[in-house]
Protein backbone atom coordinates (compact mmCIF):
# COMPACT_ATOMS: atom_id res chain seq x y z
CA UNK A 1 23.45 -4.21 -7.79
CA UNK A 2 20.31 -3.49 -9.80
CA UNK A 3 18.72 -0.13 -9.21
CA UNK A 4 15.46 -0.11 -7.37
CA UNK A 5 12.22 0.45 -9.25
CA UNK A 6 9.60 3.02 -8.29
CA UNK A 7 8.63 2.91 -4.63
CA UNK A 8 5.14 3.64 -3.36
CA UNK A 9 3.44 3.71 -0.01
CA UNK A 10 -0.08 3.59 1.29
CA UNK A 11 -1.88 3.86 4.57
CA UNK A 12 -5.06 1.82 4.91
CA UNK A 13 -7.33 2.60 7.85
CA UNK A 14 -9.58 0.06 9.54
CA UNK A 15 -12.37 1.76 11.50
CA UNK A 16 -13.38 -0.23 14.53
CA UNK A 17 -10.00 -1.99 14.53
CA UNK A 18 -11.37 -4.55 12.09
CA UNK A 19 -8.03 -5.53 10.57
CA UNK A 20 -8.24 -9.29 10.19
CA UNK A 21 -5.76 -10.06 7.44
CA UNK A 22 -8.01 -10.42 4.37
CA UNK A 23 -5.63 -8.25 2.34
CA UNK A 24 -2.61 -10.48 2.95
CA UNK A 25 -3.40 -13.09 0.25
CA UNK A 26 -3.61 -10.40 -2.47
CA UNK A 27 -0.29 -8.93 -1.31
CA UNK A 28 1.27 -12.39 -1.17
CA UNK A 29 0.20 -13.04 -4.77
CA UNK A 30 1.85 -9.78 -5.86
CA UNK A 31 5.06 -10.67 -4.03
CA UNK A 32 5.10 -14.26 -5.37
CA UNK A 33 4.57 -13.06 -8.95
CA UNK A 34 7.47 -10.59 -8.54
CA UNK A 35 5.12 -7.68 -9.23
CA UNK A 36 6.04 -5.92 -5.97
CA UNK A 37 8.64 -6.26 -3.24
CA UNK A 38 7.53 -5.23 0.23
CA UNK A 39 10.08 -2.89 1.74
CA UNK A 40 8.39 -2.02 5.02
CA UNK A 41 5.14 -2.80 6.80
CA UNK A 42 3.94 -1.43 10.12
CA UNK A 43 0.72 -0.91 12.01
CA UNK A 44 -0.72 1.80 14.24
CA UNK A 45 -3.83 1.77 16.34
CA UNK A 46 -5.84 4.09 18.50
CA UNK A 47 -7.97 2.77 21.34
CA UNK A 48 -11.37 4.14 22.40
CA UNK A 49 -9.66 6.73 24.63
CA UNK A 50 -7.42 7.91 21.79
CA UNK A 51 -4.20 6.34 23.08
CA UNK A 52 -1.86 5.32 20.25
CA UNK A 53 0.10 2.11 19.83
CA UNK A 54 2.50 1.33 16.97
CA UNK A 55 3.84 -2.10 16.12
CA UNK A 56 5.74 -4.15 13.55
CA UNK A 57 4.73 -7.53 12.14
CA UNK A 58 6.72 -9.34 14.83
CA UNK A 59 4.59 -7.64 17.52
CA UNK A 60 1.30 -9.09 16.22
CA UNK A 61 -0.34 -12.05 17.91
CA UNK A 62 0.58 -15.44 16.37
CA UNK A 63 -2.79 -15.92 14.62
CA UNK A 64 -2.50 -12.54 12.90
CA UNK A 65 1.13 -13.25 11.97
CA UNK A 66 0.03 -16.52 10.38
CA UNK A 67 -2.72 -14.82 8.36
CA UNK A 68 -0.16 -12.33 7.04
CA UNK A 69 2.49 -15.02 6.60
CA UNK A 70 5.07 -14.48 3.90
CA UNK A 71 4.76 -10.70 3.89
CA UNK A 72 7.80 -10.05 6.04
CA UNK A 73 9.49 -6.97 4.55
CA UNK A 74 12.85 -7.53 2.89
CA UNK A 75 14.39 -4.34 4.27
CA UNK A 76 12.29 -2.68 6.95
CA UNK A 77 13.21 0.41 8.88
CA UNK A 78 12.03 2.86 6.22
CA UNK A 79 8.99 3.84 8.28
CA UNK A 80 10.00 5.64 11.44
CA UNK A 81 8.20 6.68 14.62
CA UNK A 82 7.33 10.08 13.12
CA UNK A 83 5.63 8.34 10.16
CA UNK A 84 3.67 6.09 12.47
CA UNK A 85 2.59 8.92 14.76
CA UNK A 86 1.56 11.08 11.78
CA UNK A 87 -0.64 8.23 10.50
CA UNK A 88 -2.07 7.68 13.97
CA UNK A 89 -3.04 11.35 14.27
CA UNK A 90 -5.42 10.88 11.33
CA UNK A 91 -7.18 7.93 12.93
CA UNK A 92 -10.48 8.12 14.75
CA UNK A 93 -10.59 6.52 18.21
CA UNK A 94 -11.02 2.73 18.13
CA UNK A 95 -9.39 2.29 14.72
CA UNK A 96 -6.14 1.07 13.25
CA UNK A 97 -4.08 1.41 10.09
CA UNK A 98 -1.54 -0.55 8.11
CA UNK A 99 1.37 1.34 6.54
CA UNK A 100 2.95 -0.35 3.56
CA UNK A 101 5.99 0.64 1.49
CA UNK A 102 6.71 -1.38 -1.64
CA UNK A 103 8.84 -1.39 -4.76
CA UNK A 104 7.04 -1.71 -8.08
CA UNK A 105 9.32 -4.46 -9.37
CA UNK A 106 7.24 -4.63 -12.57
CA UNK A 107 8.28 -1.05 -13.41
CA UNK A 108 11.99 -1.28 -12.58
CA UNK A 109 13.04 -1.92 -16.18
CA UNK A 110 11.04 1.05 -17.47
CA UNK A 111 12.36 3.31 -14.69
CA UNK A 112 15.94 2.31 -15.52
CA UNK A 113 15.33 2.94 -19.24
CA UNK A 114 14.03 6.43 -18.44
CA UNK A 115 17.11 7.16 -16.31
CA UNK A 116 19.44 5.75 -19.00
CA UNK A 117 17.80 8.04 -21.57
CA UNK A 118 18.33 11.03 -19.24
CA UNK A 119 14.56 11.28 -18.98
CA UNK A 120 12.99 13.12 -16.09
CA UNK A 121 9.54 12.15 -14.85
CA UNK A 122 7.76 15.46 -14.38
CA UNK A 123 4.60 14.08 -12.83
CA UNK A 124 3.14 10.74 -11.91
CA UNK A 125 -0.04 10.22 -10.00
CA UNK A 126 -2.48 7.48 -9.21
CA UNK A 127 -6.02 8.15 -10.44
CA UNK A 128 -8.52 7.23 -7.71
CA UNK A 129 -10.68 4.19 -8.41
CA UNK A 130 -13.93 6.15 -8.00
CA UNK A 131 -12.84 8.68 -10.64
CA UNK A 132 -11.93 5.96 -13.15
CA UNK A 133 -15.14 4.02 -12.48
CA UNK A 134 -17.28 7.15 -12.90
CA UNK A 135 -15.56 7.94 -16.22
CA UNK A 136 -16.03 4.38 -17.47
CA UNK A 137 -19.68 4.39 -16.42
CA UNK A 138 -20.23 7.74 -18.18
CA UNK A 139 -18.52 6.50 -21.34
CA UNK A 140 -20.56 3.30 -21.37
CA UNK A 141 -23.80 5.23 -20.90
CA UNK A 142 -22.93 7.73 -23.63
CA UNK A 143 -21.78 5.19 -26.21
CA UNK A 144 -24.63 2.72 -25.71
CA UNK A 145 -26.69 2.55 -28.87
CA UNK A 146 -24.12 4.55 -30.87
CA UNK A 147 -22.15 1.47 -31.91
CA UNK A 148 -23.29 -0.34 -35.02
């Protein structure tokens, strides 16, 4: 059995419970291109009174299931009730969140090569989009006119 590549997770909140499935096509493209493999996917919500509900894909209404079609996790069960309740605690009333765990299939070969070389990853972090964009904007503004 091939070793698993790096695994990541994210929690995406939807204030006002406005989760309508627009993200599903982008995820489906990543799955179809073998860039990622979805391991687990769950949802939590908080109503206007602050009551929490947690659910899996199979618990969604049929229209929502159809809009997310093809994203059924291969494994599931990695996210537990504690994970879902911890995510729900961070939500404002009348909001929801999707919790996604995926394998970076694209990086599996590199991860295996690092392990085979007895390498140890000391740090890895995702740089927030806003930070990268600000740096690129600064660089563009400070190099404009300097190129010949």
